[in-house]
Amino acid sequence: MAYDRYVAICRPLHYALMMNTKICSSLIAGSWIAGALSAIPAEVSISRFSFCSFHQINHFFCDINALIKLSCSDVYSLEIAILIEGMFGAVLPCILIVVSYTCIIKSILKIRSTESRSKAFSTCSSHLTVVIIFYLTLICMYMRPPSLYSPDLDKLFSFLYTALIPMLNPIIYSVRNQEVKNALRKVVFGKQ
């Protein structure tokens, strides 16, 4: 999405060329493949762990942090691998998004028309809102020290980034649509 926004605002005349079906398909396939492959090292490591007598996972799903807490094995090497994978799987995309939006903001600030500038910011605001909420919950979940570990907090943050944010996505993106805004006004304020 950040690349799409970058091309739409910074290179609008090249949009059709730079965002064709082949490139979009490649971006989607790359995301899916990278996501699937990034889980394999952790899954292989966890499959070799031994677990203590308590085998009930205190979580909504089989989260890696919950499994690490149940393990009787030495988990140091896995924790290091997760940290390294987090750098490539979360930090690198975040940096690319920040760089993309930096270029976008620079381009938007060069626009002379207030209306055009407002429209450009509006185009980016929904995606940026979702990205910020997503990364804040990931940071709270995976980048906190072990001394602050709490199963209840883990469940809350997991719920946020696996269920709530995907549910908010269509709402955040559709609020930009004028018809949706009018329908919301009717629901909230009654018939007008």
Foldseek 3Di string as FASTA:
>chain_A
DLVLLLCCQVPVVCNCVCDDPVNVVVVVVVLVVLVVVLCVVLVVVLVPFDFDPDDDQLAPDDDSVSSVVRTPDDCVVVLVSVVVSCCVVPVVVVVVSVVSVVSNVVSLVPDDDPVVSVVSCLVCVLVVVLVVQQVVLVCVQNVDDPVPDDSVSNRVSCCCNPPVSVVCSVVSVCCSPPVVVVVVCCVVVNDD
